[in-house]
């Protein structure tokens, strides 16, 4: 396999997507874990945790997509 070949580009893209999916799944697990108490009992503290969980999920999505895009742009632009 040569650098710049279609197979090489496919492997690079696959690894970038794999890292992004792992990052998103970690944020999703943490966010859902924080949102769970609001389903069990409704009070101010659990509502605060639910909002924190939603924020963590949104920030993780933005972070994962931005990192994946920047890695994709840096690596595959030069090939």
C-alpha atoms as a PDB file:
ATOM      1  CA  UNK A   1       0.000   0.000   0.000  1.00  0.00           C
ATOM      2  CA  UNK A   2       1.441   3.342  -1.036  1.00  0.00           C
ATOM      3  CA  UNK A   3       0.892   6.630   0.685  1.00  0.00           C
ATOM      4  CA  UNK A   4      -1.860   8.494  -1.123  1.00  0.00           C
ATOM      5  CA  UNK A   5      -3.468   5.425  -2.653  1.00  0.00           C
ATOM      6  CA  UNK A   6      -7.251   5.035  -2.411  1.00  0.00           C
ATOM      7  CA  UNK A   7      -6.811   2.191   0.082  1.00  0.00           C
ATOM      8  CA  UNK A   8      -4.595   4.390   2.273  1.00  0.00           C
ATOM      9  CA  UNK A   9      -7.107   7.246   2.166  1.00  0.00           C
ATOM     10  CA  UNK A  10      -9.903   4.831   3.056  1.00  0.00           C
ATOM     11  CA  UNK A  11      -7.983   3.521   6.077  1.00  0.00           C
ATOM     12  CA  UNK A  12      -7.227   7.064   7.251  1.00  0.00           C
ATOM     13  CA  UNK A  13     -10.870   8.056   6.911  1.00  0.00           C
ATOM     14  CA  UNK A  14     -11.973   4.904   8.716  1.00  0.00           C
ATOM     15  CA  UNK A  15      -9.639   5.588  11.657  1.00  0.00           C
ATOM     16  CA  UNK A  16     -10.768   9.225  11.913  1.00  0.00           C
ATOM     17  CA  UNK A  17     -14.426   8.156  11.984  1.00  0.00           C
ATOM     18  CA  UNK A  18     -13.623   5.463  14.557  1.00  0.00           C
ATOM     19  CA  UNK A  19     -12.048   8.019  16.908  1.00  0.00           C
ATOM     20  CA  UNK A  20     -14.996  10.399  16.458  1.00  0.00           C
ATOM     21  CA  UNK A  21     -17.504   7.646  17.242  1.00  0.00           C
ATOM     22  CA  UNK A  22     -15.584   6.662  20.385  1.00  0.00           C
ATOM     23  CA  UNK A  23     -15.544  10.276  21.561  1.00  0.00           C
ATOM     24  CA  UNK A  24     -19.261  10.695  20.895  1.00  0.00           C
ATOM     25  CA  UNK A  25     -20.110   7.453  22.687  1.00  0.00           C
ATOM     26  CA  UNK A  26     -18.123   8.446  25.786  1.00  0.00           C
ATOM     27  CA  UNK A  27     -19.937  11.785  25.944  1.00  0.00           C
ATOM     28  CA  UNK A  28     -23.275  10.099  25.365  1.00  0.00           C
ATOM     29  CA  UNK A  29     -22.722   7.613  28.195  1.00  0.00           C
ATOM     30  CA  UNK A  30     -21.647  10.339  30.630  1.00  0.00           C
ATOM     31  CA  UNK A  31     -24.515  12.610  29.586  1.00  0.00           C
ATOM     32  CA  UNK A  32     -27.142   9.893  29.894  1.00  0.00           C
ATOM     33  CA  UNK A  33     -25.705   8.863  33.256  1.00  0.00           C
ATOM     34  CA  UNK A  34     -26.188  12.432  34.495  1.00  0.00           C
ATOM     35  CA  UNK A  35     -29.707  12.620  33.035  1.00  0.00           C
ATOM     36  CA  UNK A  36     -30.897   9.390  34.677  1.00  0.00           C
ATOM     37  CA  UNK A  37     -31.722  10.823  38.160  1.00  0.00           C
ATOM     38  CA  UNK A  38     -34.218  13.226  36.613  1.00  0.00           C
ATOM     39  CA  UNK A  39     -36.206  10.253  35.319  1.00  0.00           C
ATOM     40  CA  UNK A  40     -36.353   8.655  38.768  1.00  0.00           C
ATOM     41  CA  UNK A  41     -37.113  11.705  40.897  1.00  0.00           C
ATOM     42  CA  UNK A  42     -38.050  15.219  39.831  1.00  0.00           C
ATOM     43  CA  UNK A  43     -36.350  17.925  41.899  1.00  0.00           C
ATOM     44  CA  UNK A  44     -34.042  20.892  41.354  1.00  0.00           C
ATOM     45  CA  UNK A  45     -30.832  18.912  41.770  1.00  0.00           C
ATOM     46  CA  UNK A  46     -31.828  16.196  39.298  1.00  0.00           C
ATOM     47  CA  UNK A  47     -33.012  18.857  36.846  1.00  0.00           C
ATOM     48  CA  UNK A  48     -29.606  20.517  37.128  1.00  0.00           C
ATOM     49  CA  UNK A  49     -27.894  17.199  36.470  1.00  0.00           C
ATOM     50  CA  UNK A  50     -30.166  16.628  33.461  1.00  0.00           C
ATOM     51  CA  UNK A  51     -29.229  20.012  32.020  1.00  0.00           C
ATOM     52  CA  UNK A  52     -25.546  19.276  32.661  1.00  0.00           C
ATOM     53  CA  UNK A  53     -25.951  15.933  30.881  1.00  0.00           C
ATOM     54  CA  UNK A  54     -27.548  17.606  27.867  1.00  0.00           C
ATOM     55  CA  UNK A  55     -24.774  20.188  27.734  1.00  0.00           C
ATOM     56  CA  UNK A  56     -22.104  17.476  27.942  1.00  0.00           C
ATOM     57  CA  UNK A  57     -23.722  15.557  25.080  1.00  0.00           C
ATOM     58  CA  UNK A  58     -23.944  18.670  22.881  1.00  0.00           C
ATOM     59  CA  UNK A  59     -20.384  19.789  23.643  1.00  0.00           C
ATOM     60  CA  UNK A  60     -19.044  16.282  23.003  1.00  0.00           C
ATOM     61  CA  UNK A  61     -20.812  16.161  19.631  1.00  0.00           C
ATOM     62  CA  UNK A  62     -19.382  19.541  18.628  1.00  0.00           C
ATOM     63  CA  UNK A  63     -15.910  18.557  19.854  1.00  0.00           C
ATOM     64  CA  UNK A  64     -15.913  15.189  18.076  1.00  0.00           C
ATOM     65  CA  UNK A  65     -17.086  16.661  14.779  1.00  0.00           C
ATOM     66  CA  UNK A  66     -14.583  19.519  14.942  1.00  0.00           C
ATOM     67  CA  UNK A  67     -11.668  17.207  15.755  1.00  0.00           C
ATOM     68  CA  UNK A  68     -12.697  14.748  13.037  1.00  0.00           C
ATOM     69  CA  UNK A  69     -13.030  17.527  10.469  1.00  0.00           C
ATOM     70  CA  UNK A  70      -9.682  19.087  11.365  1.00  0.00           C
ATOM     71  CA  UNK A  71      -7.887  15.710  11.263  1.00  0.00           C
ATOM     72  CA  UNK A  72      -9.544  14.885   7.958  1.00  0.00           C
ATOM     73  CA  UNK A  73      -8.606  18.279   6.533  1.00  0.00           C
ATOM     74  CA  UNK A  74      -4.973  18.093   7.723  1.00  0.00           C
ATOM     75  CA  UNK A  75      -4.253  14.514   6.645  1.00  0.00           C
ATOM     76  CA  UNK A  76      -6.144  14.115   3.398  1.00  0.00           C
ATOM     77  CA  UNK A  77      -5.551  17.608   2.042  1.00  0.00           C
ATOM     78  CA  UNK A  78      -1.844  16.899   1.568  1.00  0.00           C
ATOM     79  CA  UNK A  79      -2.250  13.479  -0.065  1.00  0.00           C
END
